[in-house]
N, C-alpha and C. Protein backbone atom coordinates (compact mmCIF):
# COMPACT_ATOMS: atom_id res chain seq x y z
N MET A 1 1.21 5.59 28.69
CA MET A 1 1.51 5.20 27.32
C MET A 1 3.03 5.22 27.14
N SER A 2 3.56 4.21 26.47
CA SER A 2 5.00 4.14 26.24
C SER A 2 5.32 4.46 24.78
N VAL A 3 6.57 4.79 24.55
CA VAL A 3 7.06 5.08 23.21
C VAL A 3 7.63 3.80 22.62
N ASP A 4 7.28 3.50 21.38
CA ASP A 4 7.77 2.31 20.69
C ASP A 4 8.21 2.71 19.29
N LEU A 5 9.49 3.07 19.15
CA LEU A 5 10.01 3.41 17.82
C LEU A 5 10.08 2.14 16.99
N GLN A 6 9.58 2.18 15.77
CA GLN A 6 9.40 0.97 14.98
C GLN A 6 10.46 0.75 13.90
N SER A 7 10.75 1.75 13.10
CA SER A 7 11.71 1.58 12.01
C SER A 7 12.12 2.95 11.50
N VAL A 8 13.11 2.94 10.64
CA VAL A 8 13.57 4.18 10.02
C VAL A 8 13.69 3.93 8.52
N VAL A 9 13.34 4.93 7.73
CA VAL A 9 13.48 4.84 6.28
C VAL A 9 14.33 6.02 5.83
N PRO A 10 15.61 5.78 5.55
CA PRO A 10 16.47 6.87 5.08
C PRO A 10 16.04 7.35 3.69
N ILE A 11 16.17 8.64 3.47
CA ILE A 11 15.94 9.23 2.15
C ILE A 11 17.31 9.50 1.54
N VAL A 12 17.58 8.88 0.40
CA VAL A 12 18.87 8.97 -0.27
C VAL A 12 18.70 9.83 -1.51
N ARG A 13 19.53 10.85 -1.62
CA ARG A 13 19.44 11.78 -2.76
C ARG A 13 20.03 11.13 -4.01
N ILE A 14 19.30 11.22 -5.11
CA ILE A 14 19.75 10.72 -6.41
C ILE A 14 19.61 11.83 -7.45
N PHE A 15 20.30 11.67 -8.58
CA PHE A 15 20.25 12.67 -9.63
C PHE A 15 19.92 12.09 -11.00
N SER A 16 19.77 10.77 -11.08
CA SER A 16 19.45 10.10 -12.34
C SER A 16 18.69 8.82 -12.02
N VAL A 17 17.48 8.72 -12.55
CA VAL A 17 16.68 7.52 -12.32
C VAL A 17 17.36 6.31 -12.95
N GLU A 18 17.88 6.48 -14.15
CA GLU A 18 18.55 5.38 -14.85
C GLU A 18 19.73 4.84 -14.04
N LYS A 19 20.59 5.73 -13.56
CA LYS A 19 21.75 5.30 -12.76
C LYS A 19 21.32 4.70 -11.42
N ALA A 20 20.25 5.25 -10.83
CA ALA A 20 19.75 4.70 -9.56
C ALA A 20 19.25 3.27 -9.75
N ARG A 21 18.50 3.03 -10.81
CA ARG A 21 18.02 1.67 -11.10
C ARG A 21 19.18 0.72 -11.37
N GLU A 22 20.15 1.18 -12.14
CA GLU A 22 21.30 0.35 -12.45
C GLU A 22 22.03 -0.08 -11.17
N PHE A 23 22.22 0.86 -10.24
CA PHE A 23 22.96 0.58 -9.02
C PHE A 23 22.12 -0.19 -8.00
N TYR A 24 20.97 0.37 -7.61
CA TYR A 24 20.20 -0.22 -6.52
C TYR A 24 19.51 -1.52 -6.91
N VAL A 25 19.01 -1.62 -8.12
CA VAL A 25 18.32 -2.83 -8.57
C VAL A 25 19.30 -3.78 -9.27
N GLY A 26 19.98 -3.27 -10.30
CA GLY A 26 20.86 -4.11 -11.08
C GLY A 26 22.05 -4.64 -10.32
N PHE A 27 22.69 -3.80 -9.52
CA PHE A 27 23.90 -4.21 -8.80
C PHE A 27 23.59 -4.75 -7.40
N LEU A 28 22.90 -3.96 -6.59
CA LEU A 28 22.68 -4.36 -5.19
C LEU A 28 21.53 -5.35 -5.00
N GLY A 29 20.69 -5.52 -6.01
CA GLY A 29 19.62 -6.51 -5.92
C GLY A 29 18.39 -6.07 -5.15
N PHE A 30 18.20 -4.77 -4.99
CA PHE A 30 16.98 -4.26 -4.37
C PHE A 30 15.83 -4.39 -5.35
N THR A 31 14.61 -4.36 -4.85
CA THR A 31 13.40 -4.32 -5.67
C THR A 31 12.92 -2.88 -5.75
N TRP A 32 12.55 -2.45 -6.94
CA TRP A 32 11.97 -1.11 -7.14
C TRP A 32 10.50 -1.24 -6.80
N ASP A 33 10.10 -0.80 -5.60
CA ASP A 33 8.75 -1.05 -5.09
C ASP A 33 7.70 -0.13 -5.70
N TRP A 34 7.98 1.14 -5.72
CA TRP A 34 7.04 2.11 -6.28
C TRP A 34 7.78 3.42 -6.54
N GLU A 35 7.13 4.27 -7.32
CA GLU A 35 7.68 5.61 -7.58
C GLU A 35 6.54 6.60 -7.70
N HIS A 36 6.87 7.87 -7.47
CA HIS A 36 5.86 8.93 -7.55
C HIS A 36 6.48 10.18 -8.15
N ARG A 37 5.71 10.84 -8.98
CA ARG A 37 6.03 12.17 -9.50
C ARG A 37 4.73 12.98 -9.45
N PHE A 38 4.85 14.26 -9.14
CA PHE A 38 3.66 15.10 -9.13
C PHE A 38 3.13 15.34 -10.53
N ASP A 39 4.01 15.34 -11.52
CA ASP A 39 3.65 15.40 -12.93
C ASP A 39 4.83 14.85 -13.74
N GLU A 40 4.67 14.78 -15.07
CA GLU A 40 5.70 14.20 -15.95
C GLU A 40 7.07 14.83 -15.79
N ASN A 41 7.10 16.11 -15.50
CA ASN A 41 8.35 16.85 -15.45
C ASN A 41 8.85 17.10 -14.02
N ALA A 42 8.24 16.43 -13.07
CA ALA A 42 8.61 16.62 -11.65
C ALA A 42 9.69 15.61 -11.25
N PRO A 43 10.42 15.91 -10.17
CA PRO A 43 11.43 14.97 -9.69
C PRO A 43 10.80 13.66 -9.20
N LEU A 44 11.58 12.62 -9.24
CA LEU A 44 11.14 11.30 -8.82
C LEU A 44 11.30 11.13 -7.31
N TYR A 45 10.36 10.41 -6.71
CA TYR A 45 10.47 9.92 -5.34
C TYR A 45 10.10 8.45 -5.42
N ALA A 46 10.97 7.56 -4.94
CA ALA A 46 10.75 6.13 -5.12
C ALA A 46 11.15 5.36 -3.87
N GLN A 47 10.69 4.12 -3.80
CA GLN A 47 11.09 3.23 -2.72
C GLN A 47 11.73 1.98 -3.31
N VAL A 48 12.85 1.57 -2.70
CA VAL A 48 13.49 0.29 -3.01
C VAL A 48 13.61 -0.50 -1.71
N SER A 49 13.64 -1.83 -1.84
CA SER A 49 13.77 -2.65 -0.65
C SER A 49 14.48 -3.95 -0.98
N ARG A 50 15.07 -4.49 0.06
CA ARG A 50 15.66 -5.84 -0.02
C ARG A 50 15.63 -6.39 1.40
N GLY A 51 14.97 -7.54 1.55
CA GLY A 51 14.77 -8.07 2.90
C GLY A 51 13.98 -7.06 3.70
N SER A 52 14.45 -6.77 4.91
CA SER A 52 13.73 -5.80 5.74
C SER A 52 14.29 -4.38 5.60
N ILE A 53 15.24 -4.19 4.70
CA ILE A 53 15.81 -2.85 4.47
C ILE A 53 14.97 -2.11 3.44
N VAL A 54 14.52 -0.91 3.79
CA VAL A 54 13.74 -0.05 2.90
C VAL A 54 14.47 1.28 2.79
N LEU A 55 14.64 1.75 1.56
CA LEU A 55 15.25 3.06 1.30
C LEU A 55 14.32 3.86 0.41
N HIS A 56 14.26 5.15 0.64
CA HIS A 56 13.57 6.05 -0.29
C HIS A 56 14.64 6.78 -1.08
N LEU A 57 14.41 6.87 -2.39
CA LEU A 57 15.32 7.57 -3.29
C LEU A 57 14.60 8.81 -3.79
N SER A 58 15.29 9.94 -3.78
CA SER A 58 14.61 11.19 -4.14
C SER A 58 15.48 12.08 -5.00
N GLU A 59 14.87 12.61 -6.06
CA GLU A 59 15.50 13.64 -6.88
C GLU A 59 15.14 15.04 -6.37
N HIS A 60 14.27 15.13 -5.37
CA HIS A 60 13.81 16.43 -4.87
C HIS A 60 14.93 17.18 -4.15
N HIS A 61 15.11 18.43 -4.49
CA HIS A 61 16.06 19.29 -3.80
C HIS A 61 15.67 19.37 -2.33
N GLY A 62 16.61 19.15 -1.45
CA GLY A 62 16.34 19.22 -0.02
C GLY A 62 16.03 17.88 0.61
N ASP A 63 15.79 16.85 -0.19
CA ASP A 63 15.57 15.51 0.37
C ASP A 63 16.91 14.79 0.42
N GLY A 64 17.45 14.67 1.58
CA GLY A 64 18.73 14.00 1.73
C GLY A 64 19.87 14.85 1.23
N SER A 65 21.07 14.43 1.54
CA SER A 65 22.28 15.12 1.11
C SER A 65 23.18 14.14 0.40
N PRO A 66 23.71 14.51 -0.75
CA PRO A 66 24.69 13.63 -1.38
C PRO A 66 25.85 13.40 -0.41
N GLY A 67 26.37 12.20 -0.40
CA GLY A 67 27.47 11.88 0.51
C GLY A 67 27.02 11.24 1.80
N THR A 68 25.75 10.87 1.90
CA THR A 68 25.24 10.19 3.09
C THR A 68 25.87 8.81 3.20
N HIS A 69 26.17 8.38 4.43
CA HIS A 69 26.74 7.06 4.67
C HIS A 69 25.73 6.25 5.47
N LEU A 70 25.29 5.14 4.92
CA LEU A 70 24.32 4.27 5.57
C LEU A 70 24.99 2.97 6.00
N TYR A 71 24.72 2.52 7.22
CA TYR A 71 25.12 1.20 7.68
C TYR A 71 23.89 0.31 7.62
N LEU A 72 24.00 -0.80 6.91
CA LEU A 72 22.89 -1.73 6.76
C LEU A 72 23.30 -3.05 7.40
N PHE A 73 22.79 -3.34 8.58
CA PHE A 73 23.16 -4.55 9.29
C PHE A 73 22.41 -5.74 8.70
N MET A 74 23.11 -6.85 8.57
CA MET A 74 22.60 -8.00 7.84
C MET A 74 23.29 -9.27 8.31
N THR A 75 22.85 -10.39 7.78
CA THR A 75 23.58 -11.64 7.89
C THR A 75 23.82 -12.15 6.48
N GLY A 76 24.86 -12.97 6.30
CA GLY A 76 25.16 -13.50 4.98
C GLY A 76 26.12 -12.64 4.18
N ILE A 77 27.08 -12.01 4.84
CA ILE A 77 28.00 -11.09 4.16
C ILE A 77 28.81 -11.79 3.07
N GLU A 78 29.20 -13.04 3.30
CA GLU A 78 29.97 -13.80 2.29
C GLU A 78 29.13 -13.98 1.02
N ALA A 79 27.88 -14.36 1.19
CA ALA A 79 26.99 -14.56 0.04
C ALA A 79 26.75 -13.25 -0.70
N LEU A 80 26.56 -12.16 0.04
CA LEU A 80 26.39 -10.85 -0.61
C LEU A 80 27.64 -10.49 -1.41
N HIS A 81 28.80 -10.70 -0.82
CA HIS A 81 30.05 -10.38 -1.51
C HIS A 81 30.18 -11.19 -2.80
N ARG A 82 29.88 -12.48 -2.75
CA ARG A 82 29.94 -13.32 -3.95
C ARG A 82 28.96 -12.82 -5.01
N GLU A 83 27.74 -12.50 -4.57
CA GLU A 83 26.71 -12.01 -5.48
C GLU A 83 27.17 -10.74 -6.20
N LEU A 84 27.70 -9.79 -5.44
CA LEU A 84 28.15 -8.53 -6.03
C LEU A 84 29.37 -8.75 -6.93
N SER A 85 30.29 -9.58 -6.50
CA SER A 85 31.49 -9.85 -7.29
C SER A 85 31.13 -10.50 -8.63
N ASP A 86 30.19 -11.42 -8.60
CA ASP A 86 29.79 -12.12 -9.83
C ASP A 86 29.17 -11.19 -10.86
N LYS A 87 28.65 -10.06 -10.44
CA LYS A 87 28.02 -9.12 -11.38
C LYS A 87 29.04 -8.30 -12.16
N LYS A 88 30.28 -8.26 -11.68
CA LYS A 88 31.34 -7.50 -12.34
C LYS A 88 30.88 -6.08 -12.71
N TYR A 89 30.31 -5.42 -11.72
CA TYR A 89 29.80 -4.06 -11.88
C TYR A 89 30.92 -3.13 -12.33
N ARG A 90 30.70 -2.42 -13.36
CA ARG A 90 31.72 -1.57 -13.99
C ARG A 90 32.30 -0.52 -13.06
N TYR A 91 31.48 -0.01 -12.12
CA TYR A 91 31.90 1.14 -11.31
C TYR A 91 32.33 0.79 -9.90
N GLY A 92 32.45 -0.47 -9.58
CA GLY A 92 32.90 -0.82 -8.25
C GLY A 92 32.84 -2.31 -8.00
N ARG A 93 33.85 -2.80 -7.33
CA ARG A 93 33.89 -4.22 -6.95
C ARG A 93 34.34 -4.30 -5.50
N PRO A 94 33.40 -4.09 -4.59
CA PRO A 94 33.77 -4.02 -3.17
C PRO A 94 34.27 -5.35 -2.62
N GLY A 95 35.19 -5.24 -1.67
CA GLY A 95 35.71 -6.41 -0.98
C GLY A 95 35.09 -6.52 0.40
N ILE A 96 35.51 -7.54 1.13
CA ILE A 96 35.07 -7.72 2.51
C ILE A 96 36.19 -7.20 3.41
N GLU A 97 35.80 -6.41 4.39
CA GLU A 97 36.76 -5.90 5.38
C GLU A 97 36.34 -6.37 6.77
N THR A 98 37.33 -6.66 7.60
CA THR A 98 37.06 -7.00 8.99
C THR A 98 37.35 -5.76 9.83
N GLN A 99 36.35 -5.32 10.57
CA GLN A 99 36.47 -4.11 11.38
C GLN A 99 36.93 -4.47 12.79
N PHE A 100 37.70 -3.59 13.40
CA PHE A 100 38.22 -3.83 14.74
C PHE A 100 37.12 -3.93 15.79
N TRP A 101 35.95 -3.36 15.50
CA TRP A 101 34.87 -3.33 16.48
C TRP A 101 33.95 -4.55 16.39
N GLY A 102 34.30 -5.50 15.56
CA GLY A 102 33.56 -6.75 15.56
C GLY A 102 32.53 -6.90 14.47
N ALA A 103 32.87 -6.56 13.27
CA ALA A 103 31.96 -6.77 12.14
C ALA A 103 32.79 -7.01 10.89
N ARG A 104 32.16 -7.66 9.92
CA ARG A 104 32.72 -7.76 8.58
C ARG A 104 31.83 -6.92 7.69
N THR A 105 32.44 -6.15 6.79
CA THR A 105 31.67 -5.19 6.01
C THR A 105 32.00 -5.28 4.52
N VAL A 106 31.01 -4.90 3.73
CA VAL A 106 31.15 -4.70 2.29
C VAL A 106 30.62 -3.31 2.02
N THR A 107 31.44 -2.45 1.43
CA THR A 107 31.04 -1.06 1.21
C THR A 107 30.91 -0.78 -0.29
N ALA A 108 29.76 -0.22 -0.66
CA ALA A 108 29.47 0.14 -2.04
C ALA A 108 29.17 1.63 -2.12
N TYR A 109 29.63 2.24 -3.19
CA TYR A 109 29.45 3.68 -3.42
C TYR A 109 28.48 3.88 -4.58
N ASP A 110 27.38 4.58 -4.31
CA ASP A 110 26.42 4.79 -5.40
C ASP A 110 26.90 5.90 -6.32
N PRO A 111 26.27 6.07 -7.49
CA PRO A 111 26.73 7.06 -8.46
C PRO A 111 26.55 8.52 -8.03
N PHE A 112 25.95 8.74 -6.85
CA PHE A 112 25.63 10.09 -6.40
C PHE A 112 26.44 10.50 -5.18
N GLY A 113 27.43 9.70 -4.81
CA GLY A 113 28.29 10.03 -3.69
C GLY A 113 27.84 9.46 -2.35
N ASN A 114 26.76 8.66 -2.36
CA ASN A 114 26.30 8.03 -1.13
C ASN A 114 27.06 6.73 -0.91
N VAL A 115 27.24 6.37 0.36
CA VAL A 115 28.01 5.19 0.73
C VAL A 115 27.09 4.23 1.48
N LEU A 116 27.07 2.97 1.05
CA LEU A 116 26.27 1.95 1.72
C LEU A 116 27.23 0.89 2.24
N THR A 117 27.30 0.76 3.56
CA THR A 117 28.14 -0.26 4.17
C THR A 117 27.23 -1.35 4.72
N PHE A 118 27.35 -2.54 4.14
CA PHE A 118 26.64 -3.70 4.62
C PHE A 118 27.49 -4.34 5.68
N ALA A 119 26.95 -4.57 6.87
CA ALA A 119 27.75 -5.04 8.01
C ALA A 119 27.11 -6.24 8.65
N GLU A 120 27.95 -7.25 8.90
CA GLU A 120 27.52 -8.43 9.64
C GLU A 120 28.32 -8.48 10.92
N ARG A 121 27.63 -8.47 12.04
CA ARG A 121 28.30 -8.55 13.33
C ARG A 121 28.93 -9.92 13.50
N THR A 122 30.14 -9.94 14.06
CA THR A 122 30.82 -11.23 14.30
C THR A 122 30.82 -11.56 15.77
């Protein structure tokens, strides 16, 4: 029997559902797929996705660490940059950077200290 690793789903720590929706859905264009709470007063655990990228967002203590840096490999970096720029997001307007190692990147900072770098290999 062989090992076949299939995918990874990072858990990103959040502290406000409202701010998470504003950033991940409103700004980055992810879809809010589902959410779960054990009861009305429990922390949120949710999934967002865009294309083949899936992230879990969690208010639970111990799920993820604020300040996590994610690299999200993609194609269409110019279109993503235009899309984000057109939104005139109050808390950030990322540019395109060319990396020495052969990629163009757009980096966005979420309201909880997490960093998402979208990278297109050149």
